[in-house]
Amino acid sequence: MKTKKKFDAVKMMRKIRDKLSKEFVDKSYEGQKEYIKKRVKIRPGAAQKT
């Protein structure tokens, strides 16, 4: 018996990936990294990679 999902993680991931693919089409690798850096919020106390 299947139950109705309230949240579909696969569907959400595909939507996010498709959006990023459209935004990254004309960006270099460095441009992509800069885009992500500006939009990712770092939690206080979280380890950061340098």
PDB file of N, CA and C in Angstrom:
ATOM      1  N   MET A   1       0.833  -1.179   0.000  1.00  0.00           N
ATOM      2  CA  MET A   1       0.000   0.000   0.000  1.00  0.00           C
ATOM      3  C   MET A   1       0.884   1.252   0.000  1.00  0.00           C
ATOM      4  N   LYS A   2       0.651   2.150  -0.957  1.00  0.00           N
ATOM      5  CA  LYS A   2       1.397   3.398  -1.039  1.00  0.00           C
ATOM      6  C   LYS A   2       0.709   4.463  -0.212  1.00  0.00           C
ATOM      7  N   THR A   3       1.538   5.294   0.409  1.00  0.00           N
ATOM      8  CA  THR A   3       0.990   6.415   1.152  1.00  0.00           C
ATOM      9  C   THR A   3       1.379   7.699   0.442  1.00  0.00           C
ATOM     10  N   LYS A   4       0.599   8.719   0.606  1.00  0.00           N
ATOM     11  CA  LYS A   4       0.870  10.019  -0.012  1.00  0.00           C
ATOM     12  C   LYS A   4       1.984  10.721   0.758  1.00  0.00           C
ATOM     13  N   LYS A   5       3.041  11.107   0.032  1.00  0.00           N
ATOM     14  CA  LYS A   5       4.160  11.810   0.656  1.00  0.00           C
ATOM     15  C   LYS A   5       3.813  13.282   0.828  1.00  0.00           C
ATOM     16  N   LYS A   6       4.236  13.829   1.946  1.00  0.00           N
ATOM     17  CA  LYS A   6       4.077  15.260   2.156  1.00  0.00           C
ATOM     18  C   LYS A   6       5.235  16.022   1.515  1.00  0.00           C
ATOM     19  N   PHE A   7       6.387  15.375   1.441  1.00  0.00           N
ATOM     20  CA  PHE A   7       7.583  16.014   0.904  1.00  0.00           C
ATOM     21  C   PHE A   7       8.321  15.030   0.020  1.00  0.00           C
ATOM     22  N   ASP A   8       8.611  15.426  -1.194  1.00  0.00           N
ATOM     23  CA  ASP A   8       9.319  14.570  -2.141  1.00  0.00           C
ATOM     24  C   ASP A   8      10.733  15.140  -2.347  1.00  0.00           C
ATOM     25  N   ALA A   9      11.707  14.547  -1.682  1.00  0.00           N
ATOM     26  CA  ALA A   9      13.084  15.050  -1.719  1.00  0.00           C
ATOM     27  C   ALA A   9      13.692  14.943  -3.110  1.00  0.00           C
ATOM     28  N   VAL A  10      13.387  13.889  -3.834  1.00  0.00           N
ATOM     29  CA  VAL A  10      13.947  13.710  -5.181  1.00  0.00           C
ATOM     30  C   VAL A  10      13.425  14.802  -6.107  1.00  0.00           C
ATOM     31  N   LYS A  11      12.139  15.063  -6.037  1.00  0.00           N
ATOM     32  CA  LYS A  11      11.532  16.107  -6.876  1.00  0.00           C
ATOM     33  C   LYS A  11      12.150  17.467  -6.566  1.00  0.00           C
ATOM     34  N   MET A  12      12.344  17.752  -5.281  1.00  0.00           N
ATOM     35  CA  MET A  12      12.930  19.027  -4.881  1.00  0.00           C
ATOM     36  C   MET A  12      14.371  19.146  -5.370  1.00  0.00           C
ATOM     37  N   MET A  13      15.154  18.076  -5.239  1.00  0.00           N
ATOM     38  CA  MET A  13      16.547  18.104  -5.673  1.00  0.00           C
ATOM     39  C   MET A  13      16.648  18.329  -7.174  1.00  0.00           C
ATOM     40  N   ARG A  14      15.792  17.691  -7.930  1.00  0.00           N
ATOM     41  CA  ARG A  14      15.796  17.877  -9.390  1.00  0.00           C
ATOM     42  C   ARG A  14      15.465  19.313  -9.758  1.00  0.00           C
ATOM     43  N   LYS A  15      14.507  19.894  -9.044  1.00  0.00           N
ATOM     44  CA  LYS A  15      14.114  21.282  -9.298  1.00  0.00           C
ATOM     45  C   LYS A  15      15.283  22.230  -9.011  1.00  0.00           C
ATOM     46  N   ILE A  16      15.962  22.014  -7.888  1.00  0.00           N
ATOM     47  CA  ILE A  16      17.111  22.849  -7.523  1.00  0.00           C
ATOM     48  C   ILE A  16      18.237  22.670  -8.539  1.00  0.00           C
ATOM     49  N   ARG A  17      18.520  21.418  -8.908  1.00  0.00           N
ATOM     50  CA  ARG A  17      19.600  21.143  -9.866  1.00  0.00           C
ATOM     51  C   ARG A  17      19.318  21.794 -11.217  1.00  0.00           C
ATOM     52  N   ASP A  18      18.058  21.722 -11.672  1.00  0.00           N
ATOM     53  CA  ASP A  18      17.703  22.325 -12.955  1.00  0.00           C
ATOM     54  C   ASP A  18      17.872  23.846 -12.919  1.00  0.00           C
ATOM     55  N   LYS A  19      17.480  24.461 -11.808  1.00  0.00           N
ATOM     56  CA  LYS A  19      17.621  25.908 -11.661  1.00  0.00           C
ATOM     57  C   LYS A  19      19.097  26.305 -11.680  1.00  0.00           C
ATOM     58  N   LEU A  20      19.920  25.573 -10.933  1.00  0.00           N
ATOM     59  CA  LEU A  20      21.351  25.881 -10.905  1.00  0.00           C
ATOM     60  C   LEU A  20      21.995  25.674 -12.269  1.00  0.00           C
ATOM     61  N   SER A  21      21.597  24.637 -12.970  1.00  0.00           N
ATOM     62  CA  SER A  21      22.156  24.380 -14.303  1.00  0.00           C
ATOM     63  C   SER A  21      21.899  25.560 -15.234  1.00  0.00           C
ATOM     64  N   LYS A  22      20.698  26.132 -15.162  1.00  0.00           N
ATOM     65  CA  LYS A  22      20.376  27.293 -16.004  1.00  0.00           C
ATOM     66  C   LYS A  22      21.204  28.503 -15.604  1.00  0.00           C
ATOM     67  N   GLU A  23      21.430  28.682 -14.300  1.00  0.00           N
ATOM     68  CA  GLU A  23      22.203  29.832 -13.838  1.00  0.00           C
ATOM     69  C   GLU A  23      23.694  29.673 -14.135  1.00  0.00           C
ATOM     70  N   PHE A  24      24.187  28.453 -14.166  1.00  0.00           N
ATOM     71  CA  PHE A  24      25.615  28.205 -14.349  1.00  0.00           C
ATOM     72  C   PHE A  24      26.028  28.066 -15.807  1.00  0.00           C
ATOM     73  N   VAL A  25      25.100  28.063 -16.732  1.00  0.00           N
ATOM     74  CA  VAL A  25      25.421  27.767 -18.128  1.00  0.00           C
ATOM     75  C   VAL A  25      26.512  28.687 -18.690  1.00  0.00           C
ATOM     76  N   ASP A  26      26.531  29.952 -18.316  1.00  0.00           N
ATOM     77  CA  ASP A  26      27.530  30.882 -18.846  1.00  0.00           C
ATOM     78  C   ASP A  26      28.610  31.253 -17.836  1.00  0.00           C
ATOM     79  N   LYS A  27      28.662  30.553 -16.698  1.00  0.00           N
ATOM     80  CA  LYS A  27      29.644  30.871 -15.673  1.00  0.00           C
ATOM     81  C   LYS A  27      30.821  29.888 -15.731  1.00  0.00           C
ATOM     82  N   SER A  28      31.987  30.409 -15.428  1.00  0.00           N
ATOM     83  CA  SER A  28      33.167  29.555 -15.300  1.00  0.00           C
ATOM     84  C   SER A  28      33.076  28.816 -13.967  1.00  0.00           C
ATOM     85  N   TYR A  29      33.988  27.894 -13.757  1.00  0.00           N
ATOM     86  CA  TYR A  29      34.037  27.171 -12.486  1.00  0.00           C
ATOM     87  C   TYR A  29      34.214  28.148 -11.332  1.00  0.00           C
ATOM     88  N   GLU A  30      35.106  29.112 -11.504  1.00  0.00           N
ATOM     89  CA  GLU A  30      35.337  30.120 -10.459  1.00  0.00           C
ATOM     90  C   GLU A  30      34.077  30.950 -10.233  1.00  0.00           C
ATOM     91  N   GLY A  31      33.373  31.279 -11.300  1.00  0.00           N
ATOM     92  CA  GLY A  31      32.126  32.029 -11.182  1.00  0.00           C
ATOM     93  C   GLY A  31      31.060  31.237 -10.431  1.00  0.00           C
ATOM     94  N   GLN A  32      31.026  29.935 -10.671  1.00  0.00           N
ATOM     95  CA  GLN A  32      30.077  29.068  -9.975  1.00  0.00           C
ATOM     96  C   GLN A  32      30.387  29.026  -8.479  1.00  0.00           C
ATOM     97  N   LYS A  33      31.669  28.896  -8.142  1.00  0.00           N
ATOM     98  CA  LYS A  33      32.062  28.859  -6.733  1.00  0.00           C
ATOM     99  C   LYS A  33      31.681  30.169  -6.043  1.00  0.00           C
ATOM    100  N   GLU A  34      31.899  31.289  -6.708  1.00  0.00           N
ATOM    101  CA  GLU A  34      31.568  32.591  -6.131  1.00  0.00           C
ATOM    102  C   GLU A  34      30.059  32.728  -5.921  1.00  0.00           C
ATOM    103  N   TYR A  35      29.279  32.262  -6.875  1.00  0.00           N
ATOM    104  CA  TYR A  35      27.814  32.278  -6.775  1.00  0.00           C
ATOM    105  C   TYR A  35      27.361  31.508  -5.533  1.00  0.00           C
ATOM    106  N   ILE A  36      27.928  30.326  -5.339  1.00  0.00           N
ATOM    107  CA  ILE A  36      27.553  29.483  -4.202  1.00  0.00           C
ATOM    108  C   ILE A  36      27.992  30.129  -2.889  1.00  0.00           C
ATOM    109  N   LYS A  37      29.220  30.651  -2.849  1.00  0.00           N
ATOM    110  CA  LYS A  37      29.724  31.302  -1.633  1.00  0.00           C
ATOM    111  C   LYS A  37      28.806  32.423  -1.170  1.00  0.00           C
ATOM    112  N   LYS A  38      28.295  33.208  -2.112  1.00  0.00           N
ATOM    113  CA  LYS A  38      27.444  34.346  -1.771  1.00  0.00           C
ATOM    114  C   LYS A  38      26.095  33.901  -1.229  1.00  0.00           C
ATOM    115  N   ARG A  39      25.651  32.699  -1.595  1.00  0.00           N
ATOM    116  CA  ARG A  39      24.309  32.279  -1.239  1.00  0.00           C
ATOM    117  C   ARG A  39      24.213  31.268  -0.104  1.00  0.00           C
ATOM    118  N   VAL A  40      25.319  30.658   0.251  1.00  0.00           N
ATOM    119  CA  VAL A  40      25.307  29.659   1.317  1.00  0.00           C
ATOM    120  C   VAL A  40      25.474  30.359   2.658  1.00  0.00           C
ATOM    121  N   LYS A  41      24.605  30.031   3.578  1.00  0.00           N
ATOM    122  CA  LYS A  41      24.709  30.594   4.924  1.00  0.00           C
ATOM    123  C   LYS A  41      25.462  29.600   5.796  1.00  0.00           C
ATOM    124  N   ILE A  42      26.505  30.064   6.421  1.00  0.00           N
ATOM    125  CA  ILE A  42      27.312  29.222   7.286  1.00  0.00           C
ATOM    126  C   ILE A  42      26.753  29.312   8.708  1.00  0.00           C
ATOM    127  N   ARG A  43      26.493  28.147   9.289  1.00  0.00           N
ATOM    128  CA  ARG A  43      26.012  28.123  10.670  1.00  0.00           C
ATOM    129  C   ARG A  43      27.132  28.485  11.629  1.00  0.00           C
ATOM    130  N   PRO A  44      26.816  29.267  12.660  1.00  0.00           N
ATOM    131  CA  PRO A  44      27.858  29.590  13.655  1.00  0.00           C
ATOM    132  C   PRO A  44      28.421  28.318  14.266  1.00  0.00           C
ATOM    133  N   GLY A  45      29.731  28.242  14.355  1.00  0.00           N
ATOM    134  CA  GLY A  45      30.383  27.084  14.946  1.00  0.00           C
ATOM    135  C   GLY A  45      30.621  25.942  13.965  1.00  0.00           C
ATOM    136  N   ALA A  46      30.123  26.058  12.744  1.00  0.00           N
ATOM    137  CA  ALA A  46      30.315  25.002  11.756  1.00  0.00           C
ATOM    138  C   ALA A  46      31.746  25.061  11.225  1.00  0.00           C
ATOM    139  N   ALA A  47      32.321  23.926  10.958  1.00  0.00           N
ATOM    140  CA  ALA A  47      33.675  23.855  10.413  1.00  0.00           C
ATOM    141  C   ALA A  47      33.665  24.409   8.997  1.00  0.00           C
ATOM    142  N   GLN A  48      34.663  25.213   8.676  1.00  0.00           N
ATOM    143  CA  GLN A  48      34.767  25.783   7.340  1.00  0.00           C
ATOM    144  C   GLN A  48      36.016  25.265   6.653  1.00  0.00           C
ATOM    145  N   LYS A  49      35.861  24.913   5.386  1.00  0.00           N
ATOM    146  CA  LYS A  49      36.996  24.458   4.585  1.00  0.00           C
ATOM    147  C   LYS A  49      37.686  25.681   4.004  1.00  0.00           C
ATOM    148  N   THR A  50      39.006  25.735   4.126  1.00  0.00           N
ATOM    149  CA  THR A  50      39.732  26.894   3.599  1.00  0.00           C
ATOM    150  C   THR A  50      40.381  26.600   2.293  1.00  0.00           C
TER     151      THR A  50
END
